Amino acid sequence: VKGALATSQTLPVTTFTPQNKEVSITVNVYEFTDLDGLIDKFGTRKATFFISEEYAERFPDKVRILAEAGHDTGILLGEMTGIKKNEINNILAHRIETMARITGRNTAVVRFNHNRYDTDLLNAVYAVGLTPVQWSADDTDERFSAGDIILMTGEVNIQKFFGKTEADGFSFKAVSEVIR
């Protein structure tokens, strides 16, 4: 086990129990995200990219390149609170199949856009074997703790962020490396 969950299965994962001074970087990918630029800026640092349905359908080759570069790919869900269970299951099955077709591997994680979820949605996500992942910090925070799942908001210079975080002694793990 590379890390243990630091939350129950009634809520999304927001932190993990690290083996060392590790954090996990996550990025939400929307229609106009410069994925090519992000892949370049991240270099060999692994991260988890949560892909919106619109982006996956419009730019499947970019999502494939992201996965081939060794990054995690997860599902970014739009507003789904209040949707009936059957419809949630159909949406999740479609998104899982789409990401598998594009990346050639199974998707293990999902994120709720704008942190909007309810019990039915959480139950449906866990029932299909996905782990919901949110965040405990974002890239504008001054300090991080080992085990933080950090959301890259795009509000800071990525290279400076990595430089400072690495100077503080942190290494980077993809979410799938720390929650299984």
Protein backbone atom coordinates (compact mmCIF):
# COMPACT_ATOMS: atom_id res chain seq x y z
CA VAL A 1 0.00 0.00 0.00
CA LYS A 2 1.52 3.31 -1.06
CA GLY A 3 -0.67 5.40 1.24
CA ALA A 4 -3.79 5.09 3.27
CA LEU A 5 -6.94 7.12 2.92
CA ALA A 6 -7.27 9.84 5.50
CA THR A 7 -11.05 9.99 5.18
CA SER A 8 -14.06 7.72 5.36
CA GLN A 9 -16.01 6.47 2.37
CA THR A 10 -18.84 8.86 3.16
CA LEU A 11 -16.91 11.87 1.85
CA PRO A 12 -14.46 12.54 -0.97
CA VAL A 13 -10.77 12.01 -0.29
CA THR A 14 -9.02 15.32 0.42
CA THR A 15 -5.75 14.14 1.98
CA PHE A 16 -3.69 10.98 2.24
CA THR A 17 -1.27 9.46 4.71
CA PRO A 18 2.14 9.96 3.10
CA GLN A 19 5.14 7.68 3.36
CA ASN A 20 7.47 10.67 3.04
CA LYS A 21 7.09 14.42 2.53
CA GLU A 22 4.71 14.01 -0.41
CA VAL A 23 1.82 15.97 -1.87
CA SER A 24 -0.45 15.24 -4.79
CA ILE A 25 -1.06 17.86 -7.47
CA THR A 26 -4.41 17.92 -9.26
CA VAL A 27 -5.67 19.97 -12.20
CA ASN A 28 -9.22 20.45 -13.46
CA VAL A 29 -9.25 20.43 -17.27
CA TYR A 30 -11.98 22.40 -19.03
CA GLU A 31 -12.64 23.27 -22.65
CA PHE A 32 -9.97 25.97 -22.95
CA THR A 33 -7.22 24.46 -20.79
CA ASP A 34 -3.75 24.58 -22.38
CA LEU A 35 -2.96 20.93 -21.76
CA ASP A 36 0.13 20.97 -24.00
CA GLY A 37 1.60 23.82 -21.96
CA LEU A 38 0.80 22.12 -18.68
CA ILE A 39 2.42 18.85 -19.74
CA ASP A 40 5.56 20.80 -20.63
CA LYS A 41 5.58 22.80 -17.37
CA PHE A 42 5.04 19.72 -15.21
CA GLY A 43 8.04 17.97 -16.76
CA THR A 44 8.65 14.67 -14.97
CA ARG A 45 6.45 15.60 -12.01
CA LYS A 46 3.37 13.37 -11.94
CA ALA A 47 -0.09 14.81 -11.34
CA THR A 48 -3.73 13.90 -11.66
CA PHE A 49 -5.75 15.70 -14.31
CA PHE A 50 -9.54 15.65 -13.95
CA ILE A 51 -10.97 15.90 -17.48
CA SER A 52 -14.36 17.41 -18.30
CA GLU A 53 -16.57 15.54 -20.74
CA GLU A 54 -16.44 18.43 -23.20
CA TYR A 55 -12.63 18.45 -23.22
CA ALA A 56 -12.37 14.67 -23.61
CA GLU A 57 -14.74 14.68 -26.56
CA ARG A 58 -13.18 17.71 -28.24
CA PHE A 59 -9.50 16.86 -27.64
CA PRO A 60 -9.11 13.08 -27.21
CA ASP A 61 -5.59 13.14 -28.68
CA LYS A 62 -4.43 15.61 -26.01
CA VAL A 63 -5.93 13.48 -23.26
CA ARG A 64 -4.18 10.42 -24.74
CA ILE A 65 -0.83 12.29 -24.78
CA LEU A 66 -1.36 13.31 -21.16
CA ALA A 67 -1.89 9.67 -20.15
CA GLU A 68 1.10 8.55 -22.23
CA ALA A 69 3.23 11.11 -20.36
CA GLY A 70 2.47 9.13 -17.20
CA HIS A 71 -0.11 11.38 -15.58
CA ASP A 72 -3.30 10.16 -13.94
CA THR A 73 -6.52 10.98 -15.71
CA GLY A 74 -9.74 11.27 -13.80
CA ILE A 75 -13.28 12.32 -14.52
CA LEU A 76 -14.44 15.87 -13.79
CA LEU A 77 -18.19 15.83 -13.26
CA GLY A 78 -20.40 18.84 -13.80
CA GLU A 79 -23.48 19.66 -11.76
CA MET A 80 -25.19 16.39 -10.87
CA THR A 81 -26.90 16.98 -7.54
CA GLY A 82 -30.56 16.07 -7.59
CA ILE A 83 -30.23 13.71 -10.58
CA LYS A 84 -31.92 10.32 -10.26
CA LYS A 85 -29.79 7.28 -9.46
CA ASN A 86 -30.35 5.57 -12.84
CA GLU A 87 -29.25 8.67 -14.71
CA ILE A 88 -26.18 9.08 -12.49
CA ASN A 89 -25.22 5.45 -13.17
CA ASN A 90 -25.62 5.94 -16.94
CA ILE A 91 -23.51 9.12 -16.92
CA LEU A 92 -20.76 7.47 -14.87
CA ALA A 93 -20.71 4.37 -17.09
CA HIS A 94 -20.44 6.55 -20.21
CA ARG A 95 -17.63 8.67 -18.75
CA ILE A 96 -15.68 5.63 -17.54
CA GLU A 97 -15.96 4.03 -20.98
CA THR A 98 -14.95 7.25 -22.76
CA MET A 99 -11.82 7.72 -20.64
CA ALA A 100 -10.83 4.04 -21.04
CA ARG A 101 -11.24 4.27 -24.81
CA ILE A 102 -9.15 7.45 -25.01
CA THR A 103 -6.38 6.56 -22.55
CA GLY A 104 -6.30 2.79 -22.83
CA ARG A 105 -6.55 2.37 -19.07
CA ASN A 106 -9.14 2.37 -16.34
CA THR A 107 -9.98 5.58 -14.55
CA ALA A 108 -9.97 5.29 -10.77
CA VAL A 109 -10.84 8.80 -9.61
CA VAL A 110 -13.55 11.40 -10.05
CA ARG A 111 -13.88 15.03 -8.96
CA PHE A 112 -17.04 17.04 -8.44
CA ASN A 113 -16.76 20.42 -10.12
CA HIS A 114 -17.28 23.34 -7.74
CA ASN A 115 -17.28 20.84 -4.84
CA ARG A 116 -20.97 20.05 -5.47
CA TYR A 117 -22.13 16.58 -4.51
CA ASP A 118 -24.77 14.86 -2.45
CA THR A 119 -25.10 11.45 -0.78
CA ASP A 120 -26.71 9.82 -3.83
CA LEU A 121 -23.87 10.95 -6.07
CA LEU A 122 -21.21 9.79 -3.59
CA ASN A 123 -22.90 6.41 -3.22
CA ALA A 124 -23.12 5.99 -7.00
CA VAL A 125 -19.44 6.90 -7.47
CA TYR A 126 -18.27 4.45 -4.82
CA ALA A 127 -20.63 1.75 -6.16
CA VAL A 128 -18.94 1.77 -9.58
CA GLY A 129 -15.49 1.55 -8.00
CA LEU A 130 -14.40 5.16 -8.43
CA THR A 131 -12.87 7.20 -5.63
CA PRO A 132 -14.09 10.79 -5.32
CA VAL A 133 -11.21 13.21 -4.81
CA GLN A 134 -11.42 16.87 -3.85
CA TRP A 135 -8.56 18.94 -2.34
CA SER A 136 -7.20 20.18 0.98
CA ALA A 137 -5.19 23.11 -0.41
CA ASP A 138 -4.70 25.06 -3.60
CA ASP A 139 -1.65 26.52 -5.31
CA THR A 140 -2.25 29.96 -3.79
CA ASP A 141 -1.75 28.68 -0.23
CA GLU A 142 1.47 29.71 1.47
CA ARG A 143 2.19 26.40 3.18
CA PHE A 144 1.45 22.77 2.55
CA SER A 145 1.45 19.68 4.72
CA ALA A 146 2.61 16.24 3.71
CA GLY A 147 -0.44 14.39 2.44
CA ASP A 148 -2.18 17.42 0.98
CA ILE A 149 -4.04 17.05 -2.30
CA ILE A 150 -3.41 20.39 -4.00
CA LEU A 151 -5.63 21.95 -6.65
CA MET A 152 -3.73 23.90 -9.31
CA THR A 153 -5.98 26.90 -9.94
CA GLY A 154 -3.82 28.57 -12.57
CA GLU A 155 -3.54 31.69 -10.42
CA VAL A 156 0.20 31.26 -9.78
CA ASN A 157 3.31 30.77 -11.88
CA ILE A 158 3.63 26.99 -12.12
CA GLN A 159 7.43 26.96 -12.30
CA LYS A 160 7.73 29.18 -9.21
CA PHE A 161 5.19 27.00 -7.42
CA PHE A 162 7.18 23.85 -8.15
CA GLY A 163 10.45 25.54 -7.25
CA LYS A 164 9.17 26.68 -3.85
CA THR A 165 7.39 23.42 -3.08
CA GLU A 166 10.47 21.37 -3.99
CA ALA A 167 12.71 23.75 -2.00
CA ASP A 168 10.43 23.04 0.99
CA GLY A 169 11.32 19.35 0.55
CA PHE A 170 8.13 18.02 -1.04
CA SER A 171 7.91 15.41 -3.76
CA PHE A 172 4.90 14.84 -6.00
CA LYS A 173 2.74 11.75 -6.36
CA ALA A 174 -0.25 11.14 -8.59
CA VAL A 175 -3.46 10.52 -6.66
CA SER A 176 -3.66 6.88 -7.77
CA GLU A 177 -0.22 6.27 -6.24
CA VAL A 178 -1.34 7.37 -2.79
CA ILE A 179 -4.93 6.18 -2.39
CA ARG A 180 -4.57 2.50 -3.25
